[in-house]
Each structure stands twice: as C-alpha cells, then as structure tokens.
C-alpha cells in the first residue's frame, strides 16, 4: 500500500496547531506506517518537496517568505488544509493590520527599548512584511479547513483519518470543515 505523503508548515502564527497535532501521540504512532512525513518542523527538509498528498498549514500569510512558501506548497500538493484559526481567518496574526508596515516596524524595532537596522549591506535583516496579513484562502485555493485556536486534537484526528481514507477529496463545499 502506498503511504500518504504528508507535510506540515506554519507561516505567520504561534505553532499552537502543531502542538495540538503532537498531542495525538499514540494515534500518530498508530498511523506512522501509513504516512511519510516529508516536510515540517520535525523533518530535516530545507525545501518543500514535489508530489505531496496532503499539506496541513498553520498560520496566516504575513510576509514575502510566507507568500512564496504557500504558493510553492499549493503547486506541489494535491490537498491543502488550513489548519487553525490563523490560517482560516488571520486571527491574532492579523491584528497588525491595524497599523501600517512602516509604523509597526518603527514602533517595534526603532522606537522600542532596543534598535535593529531594517537592512544592512548583506541584505534584509527583517523579513519583508506584506501590507496586510491574509488568511490562506485569500491567496491560494484551500481544500479543507480544521478550525480552532488551536484545533482540538480530536478534530485533527478526524481530519487525518478522513484524509488517510481518501474521503476529503469527495467532500462538498459545506462538508470541507472538519469539526
């Protein structure tokens, strides 16, 4: 039997969704023979691979690095799942949308207790922020959603069980939210 090529990534967010995923310890051990984890914080892969079956994505699109990675993930993955409220709505990450990028960088890095240059001769010190933080579906097509901040481990388990059975690709628009 072919193993499901699974990838996870977090963009602009806190990594809480990945912590909920790890709370599935015993279940993850049970499905280890059915999946091949090809990208994520627990995998030593520097570049997102080709031919990924399912990508679970946490966090919103906050900077150019997030944007480029998200576009690459969409191109290389059969199913892309927004994983957690930051990925679905922008949530806490999008609170910076109330400020201009220049105001934000000045307040945090130049007017705060320490200073940090925006760039130097070697290039950009800070990632290039987008004018607005965006949820994933405003940038690329998303196939399914796992809501929560962070999602309950049982929701993640339900989603993974469905994805392992190949059911997610047959869900209607109304059924694409796990939970």
N, C-alpha and C. Protein backbone atom coordinates (compact mmCIF):
# COMPACT_ATOMS: atom_id res chain seq x y z
N UNK A 1 0.84 -1.19 0.00
CA UNK A 1 0.00 0.00 0.00
C UNK A 1 0.88 1.25 0.00
N UNK A 2 0.54 2.20 -0.84
CA UNK A 2 1.27 3.46 -0.92
C UNK A 2 1.02 4.30 0.32
N UNK A 3 2.08 4.84 0.89
CA UNK A 3 1.95 5.70 2.06
C UNK A 3 1.59 7.11 1.65
N UNK A 4 0.75 7.76 2.43
CA UNK A 4 0.33 9.14 2.20
C UNK A 4 1.51 10.07 2.49
N UNK A 5 1.86 10.88 1.50
CA UNK A 5 2.95 11.85 1.69
C UNK A 5 2.37 13.09 2.36
N UNK A 6 2.70 13.28 3.63
CA UNK A 6 2.15 14.34 4.46
C UNK A 6 3.20 15.40 4.76
N UNK A 7 2.78 16.66 4.66
CA UNK A 7 3.65 17.78 5.01
C UNK A 7 2.90 18.70 5.96
N UNK A 8 3.63 19.35 6.84
CA UNK A 8 3.04 20.38 7.69
C UNK A 8 3.95 21.60 7.60
N UNK A 9 3.36 22.77 7.80
CA UNK A 9 4.15 24.00 7.82
C UNK A 9 3.41 25.03 8.65
N UNK A 10 4.17 25.93 9.28
CA UNK A 10 3.49 27.06 9.90
C UNK A 10 4.07 28.33 9.34
N UNK A 11 3.16 29.24 9.05
CA UNK A 11 3.52 30.52 8.46
C UNK A 11 3.50 31.55 9.58
N UNK A 12 2.74 32.65 9.43
CA UNK A 12 2.68 33.65 10.49
C UNK A 12 1.74 33.20 11.59
N UNK A 13 2.26 32.63 12.64
CA UNK A 13 1.45 32.11 13.73
C UNK A 13 2.33 31.66 14.88
N UNK A 14 1.73 30.95 15.82
CA UNK A 14 2.42 30.66 17.09
C UNK A 14 2.91 29.23 17.23
N UNK A 15 2.57 28.34 16.36
CA UNK A 15 2.89 26.90 16.39
C UNK A 15 1.97 26.11 17.31
N UNK A 16 0.93 26.72 17.86
CA UNK A 16 -0.01 26.01 18.73
C UNK A 16 -0.73 24.87 18.03
N UNK A 17 -0.99 25.02 16.74
CA UNK A 17 -1.67 23.95 15.99
C UNK A 17 -0.79 22.71 15.91
N UNK A 18 0.51 22.93 15.71
CA UNK A 18 1.42 21.79 15.69
C UNK A 18 1.49 21.12 17.07
N UNK A 19 1.37 21.89 18.13
CA UNK A 19 1.36 21.31 19.48
C UNK A 19 0.12 20.43 19.66
N UNK A 20 -1.03 20.87 19.13
CA UNK A 20 -2.24 20.03 19.18
C UNK A 20 -2.06 18.76 18.37
N UNK A 21 -1.41 18.86 17.23
CA UNK A 21 -1.12 17.69 16.42
C UNK A 21 -0.26 16.70 17.21
N UNK A 22 0.74 17.20 17.89
CA UNK A 22 1.63 16.33 18.68
C UNK A 22 0.91 15.72 19.88
N UNK A 23 -0.19 16.35 20.34
CA UNK A 23 -0.98 15.77 21.42
C UNK A 23 -1.63 14.45 21.01
N UNK A 24 -1.60 14.12 19.74
CA UNK A 24 -2.16 12.87 19.24
C UNK A 24 -1.17 11.71 19.33
N UNK A 25 -0.13 11.85 20.13
CA UNK A 25 0.96 10.91 20.25
C UNK A 25 0.69 9.48 19.85
N UNK A 26 -0.18 8.78 20.57
CA UNK A 26 -0.43 7.36 20.30
C UNK A 26 -1.06 7.15 18.92
N UNK A 27 -2.00 8.02 18.55
CA UNK A 27 -2.62 7.93 17.22
C UNK A 27 -1.56 8.11 16.13
N UNK A 28 -0.65 9.08 16.32
CA UNK A 28 0.41 9.31 15.34
C UNK A 28 1.30 8.07 15.21
N UNK A 29 1.57 7.42 16.34
CA UNK A 29 2.36 6.19 16.29
C UNK A 29 1.60 5.10 15.53
N UNK A 30 0.28 5.05 15.71
CA UNK A 30 -0.54 4.05 15.03
C UNK A 30 -0.56 4.24 13.51
N UNK A 31 -0.54 5.50 13.06
CA UNK A 31 -0.63 5.75 11.61
C UNK A 31 0.75 5.93 10.96
N UNK A 32 1.81 5.82 11.74
CA UNK A 32 3.17 6.05 11.22
C UNK A 32 3.48 5.19 9.99
N UNK A 33 2.96 3.99 9.94
CA UNK A 33 3.21 3.12 8.79
C UNK A 33 2.41 3.49 7.56
N UNK A 34 1.39 4.34 7.74
CA UNK A 34 0.52 4.75 6.62
C UNK A 34 0.92 6.09 6.02
N UNK A 35 1.82 6.82 6.69
CA UNK A 35 2.21 8.14 6.20
C UNK A 35 3.73 8.23 6.05
N UNK A 36 4.13 9.14 5.21
CA UNK A 36 5.53 9.52 5.10
C UNK A 36 5.56 11.02 5.34
N UNK A 37 6.10 11.44 6.48
CA UNK A 37 6.18 12.86 6.81
C UNK A 37 7.35 13.44 6.03
N UNK A 38 7.05 14.29 5.01
CA UNK A 38 8.07 14.74 4.08
C UNK A 38 8.52 16.18 4.29
N UNK A 39 7.80 16.94 5.13
CA UNK A 39 8.18 18.33 5.38
C UNK A 39 7.49 18.79 6.66
N UNK A 40 8.17 19.61 7.43
CA UNK A 40 7.60 20.15 8.64
C UNK A 40 8.67 20.37 9.68
N UNK A 41 8.27 20.86 10.85
CA UNK A 41 9.25 21.16 11.89
C UNK A 41 9.97 19.93 12.44
N UNK A 42 9.42 18.74 12.22
CA UNK A 42 10.06 17.52 12.71
C UNK A 42 10.87 16.81 11.63
N UNK A 43 10.99 17.45 10.47
CA UNK A 43 11.68 16.84 9.33
C UNK A 43 12.82 17.77 8.92
N UNK A 44 13.96 17.19 8.63
CA UNK A 44 15.11 17.99 8.20
C UNK A 44 15.07 18.17 6.68
N UNK A 45 14.10 18.92 6.21
CA UNK A 45 13.98 19.22 4.78
C UNK A 45 14.03 20.73 4.62
N UNK A 46 14.91 21.20 3.78
CA UNK A 46 15.09 22.64 3.59
C UNK A 46 14.15 23.21 2.53
N UNK A 47 13.71 22.37 1.61
CA UNK A 47 12.84 22.81 0.53
C UNK A 47 11.58 21.96 0.51
N UNK A 48 10.44 22.58 0.22
CA UNK A 48 9.20 21.84 0.15
C UNK A 48 9.25 20.87 -1.03
N UNK A 49 8.97 19.58 -0.80
CA UNK A 49 9.13 18.58 -1.86
C UNK A 49 8.00 18.59 -2.88
N UNK A 50 8.22 17.90 -3.96
CA UNK A 50 7.21 17.68 -5.00
C UNK A 50 6.29 16.53 -4.56
N UNK A 51 5.13 16.45 -5.19
CA UNK A 51 4.20 15.32 -5.06
C UNK A 51 3.77 15.02 -3.62
N UNK A 52 3.36 16.06 -2.91
CA UNK A 52 2.83 15.89 -1.56
C UNK A 52 1.34 15.59 -1.68
N UNK A 53 0.87 14.59 -0.94
CA UNK A 53 -0.56 14.24 -0.97
C UNK A 53 -1.38 15.24 -0.17
N UNK A 54 -0.94 15.52 1.07
CA UNK A 54 -1.69 16.40 1.97
C UNK A 54 -0.72 17.33 2.68
N UNK A 55 -1.06 18.63 2.68
CA UNK A 55 -0.28 19.61 3.43
C UNK A 55 -1.19 20.28 4.45
N UNK A 56 -0.82 20.19 5.73
CA UNK A 56 -1.53 20.88 6.81
C UNK A 56 -0.78 22.18 7.08
N UNK A 57 -1.45 23.31 6.90
CA UNK A 57 -0.79 24.61 7.02
C UNK A 57 -1.38 25.42 8.15
N UNK A 58 -0.52 25.83 9.05
CA UNK A 58 -0.88 26.66 10.19
C UNK A 58 -0.38 28.07 9.95
N UNK A 59 -1.10 29.06 10.44
CA UNK A 59 -0.65 30.45 10.38
C UNK A 59 -1.16 31.18 9.15
N UNK A 60 -1.05 32.50 9.22
CA UNK A 60 -1.50 33.36 8.14
C UNK A 60 -0.31 33.78 7.28
N UNK A 61 -0.60 34.43 6.17
CA UNK A 61 0.43 34.92 5.26
C UNK A 61 0.79 36.34 5.71
N UNK A 62 1.96 36.51 6.32
CA UNK A 62 2.35 37.78 6.90
C UNK A 62 3.50 38.46 6.17
N UNK A 63 4.33 37.67 5.47
CA UNK A 63 5.49 38.26 4.81
C UNK A 63 5.76 37.56 3.48
N UNK A 64 6.75 38.06 2.77
CA UNK A 64 7.06 37.50 1.45
C UNK A 64 7.51 36.05 1.53
N UNK A 65 8.24 35.68 2.56
CA UNK A 65 8.65 34.28 2.72
C UNK A 65 7.43 33.37 2.86
N UNK A 66 6.45 33.80 3.68
CA UNK A 66 5.20 33.03 3.83
C UNK A 66 4.50 32.89 2.49
N UNK A 67 4.40 33.99 1.75
CA UNK A 67 3.71 34.00 0.46
C UNK A 67 4.37 33.04 -0.52
N UNK A 68 5.68 33.11 -0.63
CA UNK A 68 6.39 32.24 -1.57
C UNK A 68 6.26 30.77 -1.19
N UNK A 69 6.37 30.46 0.12
CA UNK A 69 6.23 29.08 0.56
C UNK A 69 4.81 28.58 0.30
N UNK A 70 3.80 29.39 0.62
CA UNK A 70 2.42 28.98 0.40
C UNK A 70 2.16 28.67 -1.08
N UNK A 71 2.63 29.51 -1.96
CA UNK A 71 2.44 29.28 -3.40
C UNK A 71 3.14 28.00 -3.84
N UNK A 72 4.32 27.75 -3.32
CA UNK A 72 5.05 26.53 -3.63
C UNK A 72 4.30 25.30 -3.10
N UNK A 73 3.79 25.40 -1.88
CA UNK A 73 3.04 24.29 -1.30
C UNK A 73 1.81 23.98 -2.14
N UNK A 74 1.08 25.00 -2.56
CA UNK A 74 -0.13 24.79 -3.37
C UNK A 74 0.22 24.11 -4.69
N UNK A 75 1.30 24.53 -5.33
CA UNK A 75 1.71 23.94 -6.61
C UNK A 75 2.14 22.49 -6.46
N UNK A 76 2.67 22.12 -5.32
CA UNK A 76 3.27 20.80 -5.14
C UNK A 76 2.42 19.84 -4.32
N UNK A 77 1.21 20.26 -3.91
CA UNK A 77 0.38 19.43 -3.04
C UNK A 77 -0.97 19.16 -3.68
N UNK A 78 -1.44 17.94 -3.51
CA UNK A 78 -2.75 17.56 -4.03
C UNK A 78 -3.87 18.16 -3.18
N UNK A 79 -3.74 18.08 -1.85
CA UNK A 79 -4.74 18.61 -0.92
C UNK A 79 -4.03 19.56 0.04
N UNK A 80 -4.57 20.78 0.16
CA UNK A 80 -4.03 21.76 1.10
C UNK A 80 -5.11 22.07 2.14
N UNK A 81 -4.75 21.93 3.41
CA UNK A 81 -5.69 22.10 4.52
C UNK A 81 -5.27 23.29 5.37
N UNK A 82 -6.18 24.26 5.54
CA UNK A 82 -5.96 25.35 6.50
C UNK A 82 -6.17 24.77 7.89
N UNK A 83 -5.18 24.93 8.72
CA UNK A 83 -5.07 24.22 9.99
C UNK A 83 -5.02 25.26 11.10
N UNK A 84 -6.17 25.55 11.72
CA UNK A 84 -6.24 26.52 12.80
C UNK A 84 -6.78 27.87 12.35
N UNK A 85 -7.20 28.67 13.33
CA UNK A 85 -7.88 29.93 13.04
C UNK A 85 -7.00 30.98 12.36
N UNK A 86 -5.70 31.01 12.63
CA UNK A 86 -4.85 31.98 11.94
C UNK A 86 -4.84 31.70 10.43
N UNK A 87 -4.78 30.43 10.06
CA UNK A 87 -4.78 30.06 8.65
C UNK A 87 -6.14 30.35 8.00
N UNK A 88 -7.22 30.21 8.78
CA UNK A 88 -8.57 30.35 8.24
C UNK A 88 -9.04 31.80 8.23
N UNK A 89 -8.72 32.56 9.29
CA UNK A 89 -9.26 33.93 9.41
C UNK A 89 -8.18 35.01 9.53
N UNK A 90 -6.95 34.63 9.75
CA UNK A 90 -5.89 35.59 10.06
C UNK A 90 -5.71 35.74 11.56
N UNK A 91 -6.80 35.60 12.32
CA UNK A 91 -6.84 35.59 13.78
C UNK A 91 -5.85 36.57 14.41
N UNK A 92 -5.11 36.17 15.40
CA UNK A 92 -4.22 37.06 16.15
C UNK A 92 -3.16 37.69 15.24
N UNK A 93 -2.65 36.92 14.30
CA UNK A 93 -1.61 37.43 13.41
C UNK A 93 -2.09 38.67 12.66
N UNK A 94 -3.36 38.71 12.31
CA UNK A 94 -3.88 39.84 11.52
C UNK A 94 -4.12 41.10 12.35
N UNK A 95 -3.91 41.06 13.65
CA UNK A 95 -4.06 42.27 14.46
C UNK A 95 -3.10 43.37 14.01
N UNK A 96 -2.01 43.00 13.39
CA UNK A 96 -1.09 44.02 12.89
C UNK A 96 -1.67 44.77 11.70
N UNK A 97 -2.78 44.31 11.14
CA UNK A 97 -3.41 45.00 10.01
C UNK A 97 -3.92 46.39 10.40
N UNK A 98 -4.02 46.67 11.68
CA UNK A 98 -4.47 47.99 12.14
C UNK A 98 -3.37 49.04 12.03
N UNK A 99 -2.15 48.63 11.71
CA UNK A 99 -1.01 49.53 11.60
C UNK A 99 -0.42 49.44 10.21
N UNK A 100 0.21 50.51 9.75
CA UNK A 100 0.96 50.41 8.51
C UNK A 100 2.24 49.64 8.81
N UNK A 101 2.82 49.05 7.81
CA UNK A 101 4.06 48.30 7.99
C UNK A 101 5.14 49.22 8.55
N UNK A 102 5.26 50.44 8.00
CA UNK A 102 6.28 51.36 8.49
C UNK A 102 6.06 51.73 9.95
N UNK A 103 4.81 52.01 10.34
CA UNK A 103 4.52 52.32 11.75
C UNK A 103 4.88 51.15 12.65
N UNK A 104 4.53 49.96 12.23
CA UNK A 104 4.79 48.77 13.02
C UNK A 104 6.29 48.56 13.21
N UNK A 105 7.04 48.59 12.12
CA UNK A 105 8.49 48.35 12.21
C UNK A 105 9.18 49.43 13.03
N UNK A 106 8.74 50.67 12.87
CA UNK A 106 9.34 51.76 13.66
C UNK A 106 9.05 51.56 15.14
N UNK A 107 7.79 51.27 15.49
CA UNK A 107 7.41 51.11 16.89
C UNK A 107 8.14 49.94 17.54
N UNK A 108 8.28 48.86 16.82
CA UNK A 108 8.86 47.66 17.42
C UNK A 108 10.39 47.67 17.39
N UNK A 109 10.97 48.07 16.26
CA UNK A 109 12.41 47.90 16.11
C UNK A 109 13.24 49.18 16.23
N UNK A 110 12.64 50.37 16.05
CA UNK A 110 13.43 51.58 16.18
C UNK A 110 13.06 52.41 17.41
N UNK A 111 11.80 52.44 17.78
CA UNK A 111 11.37 53.27 18.91
C UNK A 111 11.33 52.48 20.22
N UNK A 112 11.48 51.20 20.16
CA UNK A 112 11.42 50.36 21.36
C UNK A 112 12.71 50.42 22.16
N UNK A 113 12.84 49.57 23.16
CA UNK A 113 14.00 49.61 24.05
C UNK A 113 15.32 49.28 23.35
N UNK A 114 15.28 48.52 22.30
CA UNK A 114 16.49 48.22 21.53
C UNK A 114 16.27 48.65 20.09
N UNK A 115 17.31 48.73 19.31
CA UNK A 115 17.14 49.11 17.92
C UNK A 115 17.73 48.03 17.04
N UNK A 116 17.19 47.92 15.86
CA UNK A 116 17.65 46.94 14.88
C UNK A 116 17.56 47.60 13.52
N UNK A 117 18.62 47.59 12.77
CA UNK A 117 18.53 48.20 11.44
C UNK A 117 17.58 47.41 10.54
N UNK A 118 16.89 48.09 9.65
CA UNK A 118 15.99 47.40 8.73
C UNK A 118 16.76 46.55 7.74
N UNK A 119 17.91 47.03 7.31
CA UNK A 119 18.74 46.24 6.40
C UNK A 119 20.18 46.70 6.54
N UNK A 120 21.05 45.89 6.00
CA UNK A 120 22.46 46.24 6.01
C UNK A 120 23.05 45.91 4.64
N UNK A 121 24.35 46.00 4.50
CA UNK A 121 24.99 45.74 3.20
C UNK A 121 24.74 44.31 2.73
N UNK A 122 24.59 43.40 3.67
CA UNK A 122 24.39 41.99 3.31
C UNK A 122 22.95 41.70 2.87
N UNK A 123 22.03 42.64 3.09
CA UNK A 123 20.65 42.40 2.66
C UNK A 123 19.66 42.67 3.76
N UNK A 124 18.51 42.11 3.61
CA UNK A 124 17.39 42.35 4.52
C UNK A 124 17.64 41.68 5.87
N UNK A 125 17.48 42.43 6.95
CA UNK A 125 17.59 41.87 8.29
C UNK A 125 16.25 41.30 8.71
N UNK A 126 15.18 42.04 8.45
CA UNK A 126 13.84 41.60 8.79
C UNK A 126 13.16 41.05 7.54
N UNK A 127 12.27 40.09 7.71
CA UNK A 127 11.53 39.61 6.53
C UNK A 127 10.68 40.75 5.97
N UNK A 128 10.52 40.76 4.67
CA UNK A 128 9.72 41.80 4.03
C UNK A 128 8.24 41.53 4.33
N UNK A 129 7.64 42.39 5.15
CA UNK A 129 6.24 42.22 5.53
C UNK A 129 5.32 42.60 4.39
N UNK A 130 4.23 41.88 4.26
CA UNK A 130 3.17 42.26 3.32
C UNK A 130 2.38 43.43 3.91
N UNK A 131 1.73 44.23 3.09
CA UNK A 131 0.95 45.35 3.63
C UNK A 131 -0.14 44.90 4.60
N UNK A 132 -0.71 43.69 4.37
CA UNK A 132 -1.76 43.15 5.22
C UNK A 132 -1.50 41.66 5.43
N UNK A 133 -1.84 41.17 6.60
CA UNK A 133 -1.81 39.74 6.88
C UNK A 133 -3.07 39.14 6.28
N UNK A 134 -2.92 38.00 5.59
CA UNK A 134 -4.04 37.38 4.89
C UNK A 134 -4.24 35.93 5.34
N UNK A 135 -5.51 35.49 5.47
CA UNK A 135 -5.74 34.06 5.66
C UNK A 135 -5.38 33.33 4.36
N UNK A 136 -5.09 32.05 4.46
CA UNK A 136 -4.57 31.30 3.32
C UNK A 136 -5.50 31.30 2.11
N UNK A 137 -6.81 31.15 2.33
CA UNK A 137 -7.73 31.04 1.20
C UNK A 137 -7.85 32.33 0.40
N UNK A 138 -7.34 33.44 0.92
CA UNK A 138 -7.33 34.68 0.14
C UNK A 138 -6.13 34.74 -0.80
N UNK A 139 -5.26 33.74 -0.70
CA UNK A 139 -4.05 33.72 -1.54
C UNK A 139 -4.07 32.54 -2.51
N UNK A 140 -4.45 31.36 -2.03
CA UNK A 140 -4.48 30.15 -2.86
C UNK A 140 -5.77 29.38 -2.57
N UNK A 141 -6.07 28.43 -3.44
CA UNK A 141 -7.23 27.55 -3.21
C UNK A 141 -6.92 26.60 -2.05
N UNK A 142 -7.88 26.48 -1.14
CA UNK A 142 -7.76 25.60 0.02
C UNK A 142 -8.82 24.52 -0.11
N UNK A 143 -8.43 23.29 0.20
CA UNK A 143 -9.33 22.15 0.00
C UNK A 143 -10.15 21.79 1.22
N UNK A 144 -9.65 22.09 2.43
CA UNK A 144 -10.38 21.75 3.65
C UNK A 144 -9.87 22.65 4.78
N UNK A 145 -10.66 22.72 5.85
CA UNK A 145 -10.36 23.60 6.98
C UNK A 145 -10.50 22.82 8.29
N UNK A 146 -9.56 23.03 9.21
CA UNK A 146 -9.66 22.48 10.56
C UNK A 146 -9.65 23.69 11.51
N UNK A 147 -10.85 24.12 11.98
CA UNK A 147 -10.91 25.32 12.82
C UNK A 147 -10.45 25.07 14.25
N UNK A 148 -10.18 26.18 14.95
CA UNK A 148 -9.81 26.13 16.35
C UNK A 148 -8.53 26.91 16.59
N UNK A 149 -8.37 27.36 17.82
CA UNK A 149 -7.18 28.14 18.19
C UNK A 149 -6.64 27.64 19.53
N UNK A 150 -5.87 26.57 19.48
CA UNK A 150 -5.60 25.68 18.35
C UNK A 150 -6.74 24.67 18.19
N UNK A 151 -6.77 23.95 17.07
CA UNK A 151 -7.80 22.92 16.90
C UNK A 151 -7.68 21.85 17.98
N UNK A 152 -8.81 21.34 18.40
CA UNK A 152 -8.81 20.23 19.35
C UNK A 152 -8.14 19.02 18.69
N UNK A 153 -7.34 18.28 19.41
CA UNK A 153 -6.69 17.10 18.83
C UNK A 153 -7.68 16.13 18.17
N UNK A 154 -8.88 15.98 18.73
CA UNK A 154 -9.86 15.07 18.12
C UNK A 154 -10.29 15.55 16.73
N UNK A 155 -10.36 16.87 16.51
CA UNK A 155 -10.67 17.39 15.17
C UNK A 155 -9.56 17.03 14.19
N UNK A 156 -8.33 17.18 14.65
CA UNK A 156 -7.19 16.86 13.79
C UNK A 156 -7.19 15.38 13.46
N UNK A 157 -7.48 14.56 14.47
CA UNK A 157 -7.54 13.11 14.26
C UNK A 157 -8.62 12.76 13.23
N UNK A 158 -9.81 13.35 13.38
CA UNK A 158 -10.90 13.10 12.43
C UNK A 158 -10.48 13.47 11.01
N UNK A 159 -9.83 14.62 10.88
CA UNK A 159 -9.37 15.06 9.56
C UNK A 159 -8.34 14.08 8.99
N UNK A 160 -7.36 13.70 9.80
CA UNK A 160 -6.32 12.79 9.32
C UNK A 160 -6.91 11.43 8.95
N UNK A 161 -7.85 10.93 9.74
CA UNK A 161 -8.48 9.65 9.41
C UNK A 161 -9.20 9.74 8.07
N UNK A 162 -9.93 10.83 7.84
CA UNK A 162 -10.64 11.03 6.57
C UNK A 162 -9.66 11.15 5.41
N UNK A 163 -8.60 11.90 5.61
CA UNK A 163 -7.61 12.08 4.56
C UNK A 163 -6.90 10.76 4.22
N UNK A 164 -6.62 9.96 5.24
CA UNK A 164 -6.00 8.67 5.00
C UNK A 164 -6.91 7.73 4.22
N UNK A 165 -8.22 7.89 4.40
CA UNK A 165 -9.19 7.08 3.67
C UNK A 165 -9.49 7.65 2.29
N UNK A 166 -8.97 8.85 2.01
CA UNK A 166 -9.23 9.48 0.72
C UNK A 166 -10.57 10.16 0.63
N UNK A 167 -11.24 10.36 1.77
CA UNK A 167 -12.58 10.93 1.78
C UNK A 167 -12.60 12.44 1.54
N UNK A 168 -11.56 13.14 1.92
CA UNK A 168 -11.59 14.61 1.88
C UNK A 168 -11.79 15.15 0.47
N UNK A 169 -11.24 14.47 -0.53
CA UNK A 169 -11.37 14.99 -1.89
C UNK A 169 -12.79 14.86 -2.41
N UNK A 170 -13.64 14.09 -1.74
CA UNK A 170 -15.01 13.90 -2.17
C UNK A 170 -16.00 14.75 -1.38
N UNK A 171 -15.52 15.56 -0.45
CA UNK A 171 -16.41 16.37 0.38
C UNK A 171 -17.01 17.52 -0.42
N UNK A 172 -18.26 17.85 -0.11
CA UNK A 172 -18.89 19.01 -0.72
C UNK A 172 -18.37 20.28 -0.06
N UNK A 173 -18.70 21.43 -0.62
CA UNK A 173 -18.27 22.72 -0.08
C UNK A 173 -18.66 22.84 1.39
N UNK A 174 -19.88 22.43 1.76
CA UNK A 174 -20.37 22.55 3.12
C UNK A 174 -19.68 21.58 4.07
N UNK A 175 -19.16 20.48 3.57
CA UNK A 175 -18.56 19.45 4.41
C UNK A 175 -17.06 19.61 4.58
N UNK A 176 -16.43 20.59 3.95
CA UNK A 176 -14.98 20.69 3.95
C UNK A 176 -14.39 21.10 5.27
N UNK A 177 -15.21 21.51 6.24
CA UNK A 177 -14.69 21.89 7.55
C UNK A 177 -14.79 20.69 8.48
N UNK A 178 -13.64 20.27 9.00
CA UNK A 178 -13.60 19.16 9.94
C UNK A 178 -13.87 19.71 11.33
N UNK A 179 -14.93 19.25 11.97
CA UNK A 179 -15.20 19.70 13.33
C UNK A 179 -16.51 20.35 13.39
